[in-house]
């Protein structure tokens, strides 16, 4: 099985590494994979290479490999075509805080950009990394809970910022040195993520680094980046395979398919349903 990257079966509730599809949908599921790979071959190939290599290395090394591949793909024809079809908008910074930290019996870190469905922009990334560094250095080693305000935990990266970094090399250094996923991972058993609503791209890549993930009813999960000519760039090729395995992660990322809460729970992408 290790020679393959995605394994489909018509058996219901199949164990890892299989992805179960309804018998009547098998041909369509294969066709969807073929279409997705044909549309973005460089991104799909890079994803597979990174996922395979990441299995045998330390978490921080896996993040570095992901970031290097992500920077490379920002210069690819596939991403350029997506960006041309989806031009970014120039929007002034609203000046609103991106993250709130409350300290009591635990450290509560909240994403506070609900009007944008907590889309991750550079400022949110930096503010979240700073909040998690504060938690790591807290003298009482308090437990930490990460959550998001508004109807969604996070709809993913702020698309208007994609491809705007003037220096891809510097952008790689920033991603690896200010990685919320790495900071959350280093908190170990102290960290719990509570997610709800849309958990897309960074909205699942980052919380998947926590020791425990609790999801609210109706939460759903997607990795859309390959369709943009990229790969997950917020840590997803390191965090998600460590929860659900390389093969299922590859299927999620190549197809961009929505994973519902029941499937996420069965796969252990999330650990519990929070009410």
C-alpha atoms as a PDB file:
ATOM      1  CA  UNK A   1       0.000   0.000   0.000  1.00  0.00           C
ATOM      2  CA  UNK A   2       2.913   2.354   0.584  1.00  0.00           C
ATOM      3  CA  UNK A   3       3.535   2.420  -3.175  1.00  0.00           C
ATOM      4  CA  UNK A   4       0.202   4.224  -3.600  1.00  0.00           C
ATOM      5  CA  UNK A   5      -0.825   7.728  -2.598  1.00  0.00           C
ATOM      6  CA  UNK A   6      -4.636   7.456  -2.598  1.00  0.00           C
ATOM      7  CA  UNK A   7      -6.642   4.287  -1.987  1.00  0.00           C
ATOM      8  CA  UNK A   8     -10.377   4.196  -2.740  1.00  0.00           C
ATOM      9  CA  UNK A   9     -12.762   1.421  -1.738  1.00  0.00           C
ATOM     10  CA  UNK A  10     -16.496   0.817  -1.914  1.00  0.00           C
ATOM     11  CA  UNK A  11     -16.436  -0.826   1.516  1.00  0.00           C
ATOM     12  CA  UNK A  12     -18.251   1.357   4.012  1.00  0.00           C
ATOM     13  CA  UNK A  13     -16.286   2.525   7.026  1.00  0.00           C
ATOM     14  CA  UNK A  14     -13.003   1.121   5.727  1.00  0.00           C
ATOM     15  CA  UNK A  15      -9.972   1.535   7.987  1.00  0.00           C
ATOM     16  CA  UNK A  16      -6.988   3.768   7.335  1.00  0.00           C
ATOM     17  CA  UNK A  17      -5.507   4.307   4.752  1.00  0.00           C
ATOM     18  CA  UNK A  18      -8.630   3.716   2.642  1.00  0.00           C
ATOM     19  CA  UNK A  19     -11.143   6.352   1.567  1.00  0.00           C
ATOM     20  CA  UNK A  20     -14.643   4.902   1.354  1.00  0.00           C
ATOM     21  CA  UNK A  21     -16.895   5.945  -1.523  1.00  0.00           C
ATOM     22  CA  UNK A  22     -20.374   4.733  -2.385  1.00  0.00           C
ATOM     23  CA  UNK A  23     -20.311   1.964  -5.037  1.00  0.00           C
ATOM     24  CA  UNK A  24     -22.336   4.064  -7.455  1.00  0.00           C
ATOM     25  CA  UNK A  25     -19.822   6.924  -7.093  1.00  0.00           C
ATOM     26  CA  UNK A  26     -16.579   5.010  -7.616  1.00  0.00           C
ATOM     27  CA  UNK A  27     -16.192   5.844 -11.311  1.00  0.00           C
ATOM     28  CA  UNK A  28     -17.037   9.484 -10.640  1.00  0.00           C
ATOM     29  CA  UNK A  29     -14.551   9.620  -7.754  1.00  0.00           C
ATOM     30  CA  UNK A  30     -11.755   8.314  -9.981  1.00  0.00           C
ATOM     31  CA  UNK A  31     -12.708  10.795 -12.700  1.00  0.00           C
ATOM     32  CA  UNK A  32     -12.627  13.645 -10.168  1.00  0.00           C
ATOM     33  CA  UNK A  33      -9.099  12.664  -9.172  1.00  0.00           C
ATOM     34  CA  UNK A  34      -7.974  12.525 -12.801  1.00  0.00           C
ATOM     35  CA  UNK A  35      -9.507  15.925 -13.515  1.00  0.00           C
ATOM     36  CA  UNK A  36      -7.923  17.526 -10.447  1.00  0.00           C
ATOM     37  CA  UNK A  37      -4.451  16.195 -11.267  1.00  0.00           C
ATOM     38  CA  UNK A  38      -4.747  17.199 -14.925  1.00  0.00           C
ATOM     39  CA  UNK A  39      -5.782  20.714 -13.912  1.00  0.00           C
ATOM     40  CA  UNK A  40      -2.823  21.255 -11.560  1.00  0.00           C
ATOM     41  CA  UNK A  41      -0.179  18.582 -12.258  1.00  0.00           C
ATOM     42  CA  UNK A  42       2.758  20.426 -10.680  1.00  0.00           C
ATOM     43  CA  UNK A  43       0.903  21.082  -7.437  1.00  0.00           C
ATOM     44  CA  UNK A  44      -0.410  17.510  -7.247  1.00  0.00           C
ATOM     45  CA  UNK A  45       3.059  16.063  -7.854  1.00  0.00           C
ATOM     46  CA  UNK A  46       4.679  18.381  -5.310  1.00  0.00           C
ATOM     47  CA  UNK A  47       2.030  17.445  -2.755  1.00  0.00           C
ATOM     48  CA  UNK A  48       2.728  13.738  -3.203  1.00  0.00           C
ATOM     49  CA  UNK A  49       6.482  14.247  -2.927  1.00  0.00           C
ATOM     50  CA  UNK A  50       6.163  16.329   0.233  1.00  0.00           C
ATOM     51  CA  UNK A  51       3.719  13.924   1.881  1.00  0.00           C
ATOM     52  CA  UNK A  52       5.938  10.932   1.158  1.00  0.00           C
ATOM     53  CA  UNK A  53       9.080  12.649   2.422  1.00  0.00           C
ATOM     54  CA  UNK A  54       7.379  14.044   5.528  1.00  0.00           C
ATOM     55  CA  UNK A  55       6.555  10.630   6.945  1.00  0.00           C
ATOM     56  CA  UNK A  56      10.159   9.923   7.898  1.00  0.00           C
ATOM     57  CA  UNK A  57      11.264  13.282   9.312  1.00  0.00           C
ATOM     58  CA  UNK A  58      10.729  15.384  12.421  1.00  0.00           C
ATOM     59  CA  UNK A  59       7.754  17.733  12.591  1.00  0.00           C
ATOM     60  CA  UNK A  60       9.761  20.933  12.136  1.00  0.00           C
ATOM     61  CA  UNK A  61      11.623  19.447   9.174  1.00  0.00           C
ATOM     62  CA  UNK A  62       8.308  18.466   7.582  1.00  0.00           C
ATOM     63  CA  UNK A  63       7.118  22.059   7.938  1.00  0.00           C
ATOM     64  CA  UNK A  64      10.287  23.350   6.290  1.00  0.00           C
ATOM     65  CA  UNK A  65       9.859  20.982   3.337  1.00  0.00           C
ATOM     66  CA  UNK A  66       6.251  22.078   2.924  1.00  0.00           C
ATOM     67  CA  UNK A  67       7.234  25.741   2.954  1.00  0.00           C
ATOM     68  CA  UNK A  68      10.001  25.263   0.385  1.00  0.00           C
ATOM     69  CA  UNK A  69       7.602  23.497  -1.979  1.00  0.00           C
ATOM     70  CA  UNK A  70       4.960  26.171  -1.382  1.00  0.00           C
ATOM     71  CA  UNK A  71       7.417  28.948  -2.272  1.00  0.00           C
ATOM     72  CA  UNK A  72       8.400  27.092  -5.442  1.00  0.00           C
ATOM     73  CA  UNK A  73       4.769  26.688  -6.504  1.00  0.00           C
ATOM     74  CA  UNK A  74       4.089  30.402  -6.090  1.00  0.00           C
ATOM     75  CA  UNK A  75       6.224  30.818  -9.223  1.00  0.00           C
ATOM     76  CA  UNK A  76       4.447  28.040 -11.148  1.00  0.00           C
ATOM     77  CA  UNK A  77       2.229  28.458 -14.190  1.00  0.00           C
ATOM     78  CA  UNK A  78      -0.569  26.706 -12.315  1.00  0.00           C
ATOM     79  CA  UNK A  79      -0.679  29.279  -9.541  1.00  0.00           C
ATOM     80  CA  UNK A  80      -0.219  32.184 -11.938  1.00  0.00           C
ATOM     81  CA  UNK A  81      -3.198  30.986 -13.973  1.00  0.00           C
ATOM     82  CA  UNK A  82      -5.333  30.702 -10.842  1.00  0.00           C
ATOM     83  CA  UNK A  83      -4.256  34.152  -9.649  1.00  0.00           C
ATOM     84  CA  UNK A  84      -5.032  35.682 -13.056  1.00  0.00           C
ATOM     85  CA  UNK A  85      -8.508  34.156 -12.951  1.00  0.00           C
ATOM     86  CA  UNK A  86      -8.977  35.278  -9.338  1.00  0.00           C
ATOM     87  CA  UNK A  87      -7.272  38.670  -9.039  1.00  0.00           C
ATOM     88  CA  UNK A  88      -6.537  39.931  -5.564  1.00  0.00           C
ATOM     89  CA  UNK A  89      -8.188  43.065  -4.247  1.00  0.00           C
ATOM     90  CA  UNK A  90      -6.429  45.996  -2.637  1.00  0.00           C
ATOM     91  CA  UNK A  91      -8.043  46.475   0.745  1.00  0.00           C
ATOM     92  CA  UNK A  92      -6.843  48.777   3.533  1.00  0.00           C
ATOM     93  CA  UNK A  93      -5.988  47.137   6.829  1.00  0.00           C
ATOM     94  CA  UNK A  94      -9.054  47.476   9.041  1.00  0.00           C
ATOM     95  CA  UNK A  95      -6.855  47.935  12.103  1.00  0.00           C
ATOM     96  CA  UNK A  96      -8.895  45.434  14.089  1.00  0.00           C
ATOM     97  CA  UNK A  97      -7.149  42.937  16.374  1.00  0.00           C
ATOM     98  CA  UNK A  98      -6.762  39.477  14.913  1.00  0.00           C
ATOM     99  CA  UNK A  99      -6.228  37.526  18.135  1.00  0.00           C
ATOM    100  CA  UNK A 100      -7.373  37.927  21.734  1.00  0.00           C
ATOM    101  CA  UNK A 101      -5.665  36.298  24.700  1.00  0.00           C
ATOM    102  CA  UNK A 102      -7.372  35.805  28.081  1.00  0.00           C
ATOM    103  CA  UNK A 103      -5.575  34.243  31.029  1.00  0.00           C
ATOM    104  CA  UNK A 104      -7.352  32.572  33.921  1.00  0.00           C
ATOM    105  CA  UNK A 105      -7.165  28.950  34.892  1.00  0.00           C
ATOM    106  CA  UNK A 106      -6.181  28.410  31.299  1.00  0.00           C
ATOM    107  CA  UNK A 107      -4.960  30.520  28.429  1.00  0.00           C
ATOM    108  CA  UNK A 108      -7.737  31.201  25.937  1.00  0.00           C
ATOM    109  CA  UNK A 109      -6.619  32.297  22.484  1.00  0.00           C
ATOM    110  CA  UNK A 110      -9.359  33.429  20.090  1.00  0.00           C
ATOM    111  CA  UNK A 111      -9.244  34.385  16.437  1.00  0.00           C
ATOM    112  CA  UNK A 112     -11.089  37.702  16.224  1.00  0.00           C
ATOM    113  CA  UNK A 113     -11.723  38.438  12.571  1.00  0.00           C
ATOM    114  CA  UNK A 114     -15.300  37.143  12.292  1.00  0.00           C
ATOM    115  CA  UNK A 115     -16.355  39.532   9.517  1.00  0.00           C
ATOM    116  CA  UNK A 116     -13.801  37.777   7.283  1.00  0.00           C
ATOM    117  CA  UNK A 117     -14.660  34.350   8.711  1.00  0.00           C
ATOM    118  CA  UNK A 118     -11.305  34.493  10.512  1.00  0.00           C
ATOM    119  CA  UNK A 119      -9.348  34.318   7.275  1.00  0.00           C
ATOM    120  CA  UNK A 120      -5.637  34.018   8.012  1.00  0.00           C
ATOM    121  CA  UNK A 121      -3.715  37.041   6.814  1.00  0.00           C
ATOM    122  CA  UNK A 122      -0.093  37.803   7.668  1.00  0.00           C
ATOM    123  CA  UNK A 123      -1.086  39.796  10.727  1.00  0.00           C
ATOM    124  CA  UNK A 124      -3.243  37.001  12.104  1.00  0.00           C
ATOM    125  CA  UNK A 125      -0.409  34.535  11.566  1.00  0.00           C
ATOM    126  CA  UNK A 126       2.045  36.780  13.383  1.00  0.00           C
ATOM    127  CA  UNK A 127      -0.360  37.624  16.214  1.00  0.00           C
ATOM    128  CA  UNK A 128      -1.255  33.972  16.708  1.00  0.00           C
ATOM    129  CA  UNK A 129       2.393  32.920  16.721  1.00  0.00           C
ATOM    130  CA  UNK A 130       3.081  35.597  19.335  1.00  0.00           C
ATOM    131  CA  UNK A 131       0.148  34.453  21.491  1.00  0.00           C
ATOM    132  CA  UNK A 132       1.319  30.847  21.359  1.00  0.00           C
ATOM    133  CA  UNK A 133       4.873  31.908  22.230  1.00  0.00           C
ATOM    134  CA  UNK A 134       3.443  33.713  25.265  1.00  0.00           C
ATOM    135  CA  UNK A 135       1.676  30.506  26.278  1.00  0.00           C
ATOM    136  CA  UNK A 136       4.838  28.454  25.828  1.00  0.00           C
ATOM    137  CA  UNK A 137       6.768  30.789  28.123  1.00  0.00           C
ATOM    138  CA  UNK A 138       4.065  31.128  30.785  1.00  0.00           C
ATOM    139  CA  UNK A 139       5.623  30.235  34.151  1.00  0.00           C
ATOM    140  CA  UNK A 140       2.600  28.184  35.239  1.00  0.00           C
ATOM    141  CA  UNK A 141       2.489  26.115  32.032  1.00  0.00           C
ATOM    142  CA  UNK A 142      -1.272  26.610  31.875  1.00  0.00           C
ATOM    143  CA  UNK A 143      -3.417  24.615  29.455  1.00  0.00           C
ATOM    144  CA  UNK A 144      -4.366  26.458  26.286  1.00  0.00           C
ATOM    145  CA  UNK A 145      -7.544  26.508  24.228  1.00  0.00           C
ATOM    146  CA  UNK A 146      -7.607  27.884  20.683  1.00  0.00           C
ATOM    147  CA  UNK A 147     -10.976  28.926  19.248  1.00  0.00           C
ATOM    148  CA  UNK A 148     -12.489  31.378  16.791  1.00  0.00           C
ATOM    149  CA  UNK A 149     -15.227  34.001  17.020  1.00  0.00           C
ATOM    150  CA  UNK A 150     -18.119  34.205  14.582  1.00  0.00           C
ATOM    151  CA  UNK A 151     -19.797  31.607  12.337  1.00  0.00           C
ATOM    152  CA  UNK A 152     -16.582  29.829  11.302  1.00  0.00           C
ATOM    153  CA  UNK A 153     -13.374  28.830  13.025  1.00  0.00           C
ATOM    154  CA  UNK A 154     -11.506  29.886   9.891  1.00  0.00           C
ATOM    155  CA  UNK A 155     -12.255  29.930   6.182  1.00  0.00           C
ATOM    156  CA  UNK A 156      -8.528  29.562   5.485  1.00  0.00           C
ATOM    157  CA  UNK A 157      -5.857  31.871   4.158  1.00  0.00           C
ATOM    158  CA  UNK A 158      -6.746  35.387   3.064  1.00  0.00           C
ATOM    159  CA  UNK A 159      -6.854  34.853  -0.702  1.00  0.00           C
ATOM    160  CA  UNK A 160      -6.072  38.488  -1.431  1.00  0.00           C
ATOM    161  CA  UNK A 161      -2.603  37.986   0.061  1.00  0.00           C
ATOM    162  CA  UNK A 162      -1.734  34.846  -1.905  1.00  0.00           C
ATOM    163  CA  UNK A 163       1.300  35.471  -4.092  1.00  0.00           C
ATOM    164  CA  UNK A 164       1.957  38.986  -2.837  1.00  0.00           C
ATOM    165  CA  UNK A 165       5.258  38.278  -1.082  1.00  0.00           C
ATOM    166  CA  UNK A 166       7.937  40.107  -3.007  1.00  0.00           C
ATOM    167  CA  UNK A 167      10.720  37.722  -1.973  1.00  0.00           C
ATOM    168  CA  UNK A 168       9.762  33.999  -1.946  1.00  0.00           C
ATOM    169  CA  UNK A 169      12.917  33.138  -0.006  1.00  0.00           C
ATOM    170  CA  UNK A 170      12.108  35.609   2.744  1.00  0.00           C
ATOM    171  CA  UNK A 171       8.492  34.419   2.752  1.00  0.00           C
ATOM    172  CA  UNK A 172       9.759  30.878   3.388  1.00  0.00           C
ATOM    173  CA  UNK A 173      11.783  32.069   6.368  1.00  0.00           C
ATOM    174  CA  UNK A 174       8.795  33.956   7.773  1.00  0.00           C
ATOM    175  CA  UNK A 175       6.490  30.942   7.385  1.00  0.00           C
ATOM    176  CA  UNK A 176       8.895  28.653   9.227  1.00  0.00           C
ATOM    177  CA  UNK A 177       9.976  31.094  11.948  1.00  0.00           C
ATOM    178  CA  UNK A 178       6.433  32.318  12.692  1.00  0.00           C
ATOM    179  CA  UNK A 179       4.550  29.061  12.257  1.00  0.00           C
ATOM    180  CA  UNK A 180       1.457  28.799  14.490  1.00  0.00           C
ATOM    181  CA  UNK A 181       1.295  25.075  13.694  1.00  0.00           C
ATOM    182  CA  UNK A 182       4.813  24.531  15.038  1.00  0.00           C
ATOM    183  CA  UNK A 183       4.128  26.644  18.126  1.00  0.00           C
ATOM    184  CA  UNK A 184       0.907  24.733  18.822  1.00  0.00           C
ATOM    185  CA  UNK A 185       2.637  21.390  18.294  1.00  0.00           C
ATOM    186  CA  UNK A 186       5.367  22.334  20.771  1.00  0.00           C
ATOM    187  CA  UNK A 187       2.774  22.935  23.492  1.00  0.00           C
ATOM    188  CA  UNK A 188       2.131  19.194  23.487  1.00  0.00           C
ATOM    189  CA  UNK A 189      -0.656  17.993  25.756  1.00  0.00           C
ATOM    190  CA  UNK A 190      -1.386  21.507  26.986  1.00  0.00           C
ATOM    191  CA  UNK A 191      -3.105  22.491  23.712  1.00  0.00           C
ATOM    192  CA  UNK A 192      -6.731  21.957  22.708  1.00  0.00           C
ATOM    193  CA  UNK A 193      -8.337  23.422  19.594  1.00  0.00           C
ATOM    194  CA  UNK A 194     -12.098  24.009  19.538  1.00  0.00           C
ATOM    195  CA  UNK A 195     -13.302  24.432  15.963  1.00  0.00           C
ATOM    196  CA  UNK A 196     -16.699  25.038  14.393  1.00  0.00           C
ATOM    197  CA  UNK A 197     -18.326  25.844  11.078  1.00  0.00           C
ATOM    198  CA  UNK A 198     -15.959  26.149   8.136  1.00  0.00           C
ATOM    199  CA  UNK A 199     -12.475  24.787   8.841  1.00  0.00           C
ATOM    200  CA  UNK A 200     -10.800  25.312   5.486  1.00  0.00           C
ATOM    201  CA  UNK A 201      -7.108  25.307   4.596  1.00  0.00           C
ATOM    202  CA  UNK A 202      -5.257  26.922   7.490  1.00  0.00           C
ATOM    203  CA  UNK A 203      -8.519  26.561   9.421  1.00  0.00           C
ATOM    204  CA  UNK A 204      -7.788  22.854   9.870  1.00  0.00           C
ATOM    205  CA  UNK A 205      -4.049  22.749   9.155  1.00  0.00           C
ATOM    206  CA  UNK A 206      -3.219  24.807  12.262  1.00  0.00           C
ATOM    207  CA  UNK A 207      -5.647  23.303  14.814  1.00  0.00           C
ATOM    208  CA  UNK A 208      -4.678  19.789  13.709  1.00  0.00           C
ATOM    209  CA  UNK A 209      -1.336  20.474  15.412  1.00  0.00           C
ATOM    210  CA  UNK A 210      -3.019  20.569  18.825  1.00  0.00           C
ATOM    211  CA  UNK A 211      -2.985  17.533  21.088  1.00  0.00           C
ATOM    212  CA  UNK A 212      -6.795  17.490  21.031  1.00  0.00           C
ATOM    213  CA  UNK A 213      -9.304  18.877  18.548  1.00  0.00           C
ATOM    214  CA  UNK A 214     -12.948  19.303  19.534  1.00  0.00           C
ATOM    215  CA  UNK A 215     -15.379  20.201  16.746  1.00  0.00           C
ATOM    216  CA  UNK A 216     -18.817  21.718  17.034  1.00  0.00           C
ATOM    217  CA  UNK A 217     -21.852  20.163  15.326  1.00  0.00           C
ATOM    218  CA  UNK A 218     -21.914  21.057  11.649  1.00  0.00           C
ATOM    219  CA  UNK A 219     -18.177  21.644  11.369  1.00  0.00           C
ATOM    220  CA  UNK A 220     -16.677  20.702   8.009  1.00  0.00           C
ATOM    221  CA  UNK A 221     -13.162  20.507   6.634  1.00  0.00           C
ATOM    222  CA  UNK A 222     -11.467  21.190   3.273  1.00  0.00           C
ATOM    223  CA  UNK A 223      -7.995  21.553   1.786  1.00  0.00           C
ATOM    224  CA  UNK A 224      -8.488  23.630  -1.394  1.00  0.00           C
ATOM    225  CA  UNK A 225      -4.909  24.682  -2.146  1.00  0.00           C
ATOM    226  CA  UNK A 226      -4.020  22.191  -4.906  1.00  0.00           C
ATOM    227  CA  UNK A 227      -6.847  23.606  -6.995  1.00  0.00           C
ATOM    228  CA  UNK A 228      -5.063  26.965  -6.748  1.00  0.00           C
ATOM    229  CA  UNK A 229      -1.789  25.505  -7.975  1.00  0.00           C
ATOM    230  CA  UNK A 230      -0.338  25.282  -4.457  1.00  0.00           C
ATOM    231  CA  UNK A 231      -0.130  22.810  -1.589  1.00  0.00           C
ATOM    232  CA  UNK A 232      -1.292  23.340   1.988  1.00  0.00           C
ATOM    233  CA  UNK A 233       1.031  26.021   3.332  1.00  0.00           C
ATOM    234  CA  UNK A 234       0.056  26.498   6.979  1.00  0.00           C
ATOM    235  CA  UNK A 235       1.467  23.177   8.140  1.00  0.00           C
ATOM    236  CA  UNK A 236      -1.166  20.821   6.763  1.00  0.00           C
ATOM    237  CA  UNK A 237       1.225  18.373   5.108  1.00  0.00           C
ATOM    238  CA  UNK A 238       2.750  17.799   8.558  1.00  0.00           C
ATOM    239  CA  UNK A 239      -0.211  18.138  10.921  1.00  0.00           C
ATOM    240  CA  UNK A 240      -2.973  16.326   9.065  1.00  0.00           C
ATOM    241  CA  UNK A 241      -1.058  13.160   8.031  1.00  0.00           C
ATOM    242  CA  UNK A 242      -0.081  12.721  11.670  1.00  0.00           C
ATOM    243  CA  UNK A 243      -3.797  12.465  12.410  1.00  0.00           C
ATOM    244  CA  UNK A 244      -5.330  10.692   9.410  1.00  0.00           C
ATOM    245  CA  UNK A 245      -2.369   9.352   7.442  1.00  0.00           C
ATOM    246  CA  UNK A 246      -0.701  10.324   4.195  1.00  0.00           C
ATOM    247  CA  UNK A 247      -3.205   8.668   1.844  1.00  0.00           C
ATOM    248  CA  UNK A 248      -6.327  10.335   3.215  1.00  0.00           C
ATOM    249  CA  UNK A 249      -4.544  13.677   3.421  1.00  0.00           C
ATOM    250  CA  UNK A 250      -3.560  13.326  -0.224  1.00  0.00           C
ATOM    251  CA  UNK A 251      -7.156  12.593  -1.214  1.00  0.00           C
ATOM    252  CA  UNK A 252      -8.436  15.622   0.724  1.00  0.00           C
ATOM    253  CA  UNK A 253      -5.860  17.933  -0.831  1.00  0.00           C
ATOM    254  CA  UNK A 254      -5.977  16.704  -4.435  1.00  0.00           C
ATOM    255  CA  UNK A 255      -9.766  16.660  -4.661  1.00  0.00           C
ATOM    256  CA  UNK A 256     -10.478  19.595  -2.353  1.00  0.00           C
ATOM    257  CA  UNK A 257     -13.465  17.557  -1.194  1.00  0.00           C
ATOM    258  CA  UNK A 258     -15.456  18.572   1.860  1.00  0.00           C
ATOM    259  CA  UNK A 259     -15.102  16.197   4.808  1.00  0.00           C
ATOM    260  CA  UNK A 260     -18.081  16.194   7.139  1.00  0.00           C
ATOM    261  CA  UNK A 261     -17.904  15.920  10.908  1.00  0.00           C
ATOM    262  CA  UNK A 262     -18.858  12.241  11.046  1.00  0.00           C
ATOM    263  CA  UNK A 263     -16.040  11.322   8.665  1.00  0.00           C
ATOM    264  CA  UNK A 264     -13.571  13.599  10.449  1.00  0.00           C
ATOM    265  CA  UNK A 265     -14.409  11.906  13.735  1.00  0.00           C
ATOM    266  CA  UNK A 266     -14.120   8.404  12.260  1.00  0.00           C
ATOM    267  CA  UNK A 267     -10.755   9.285  10.722  1.00  0.00           C
ATOM    268  CA  UNK A 268      -9.554  10.969  13.952  1.00  0.00           C
ATOM    269  CA  UNK A 269      -9.045  14.280  12.226  1.00  0.00           C
ATOM    270  CA  UNK A 270     -10.962  15.515  15.255  1.00  0.00           C
ATOM    271  CA  UNK A 271     -11.066  13.823  18.638  1.00  0.00           C
ATOM    272  CA  UNK A 272     -14.532  14.695  19.875  1.00  0.00           C
ATOM    273  CA  UNK A 273     -17.735  16.561  19.146  1.00  0.00           C
ATOM    274  CA  UNK A 274     -18.166  19.606  21.359  1.00  0.00           C
ATOM    275  CA  UNK A 275     -21.694  20.706  22.206  1.00  0.00           C
END
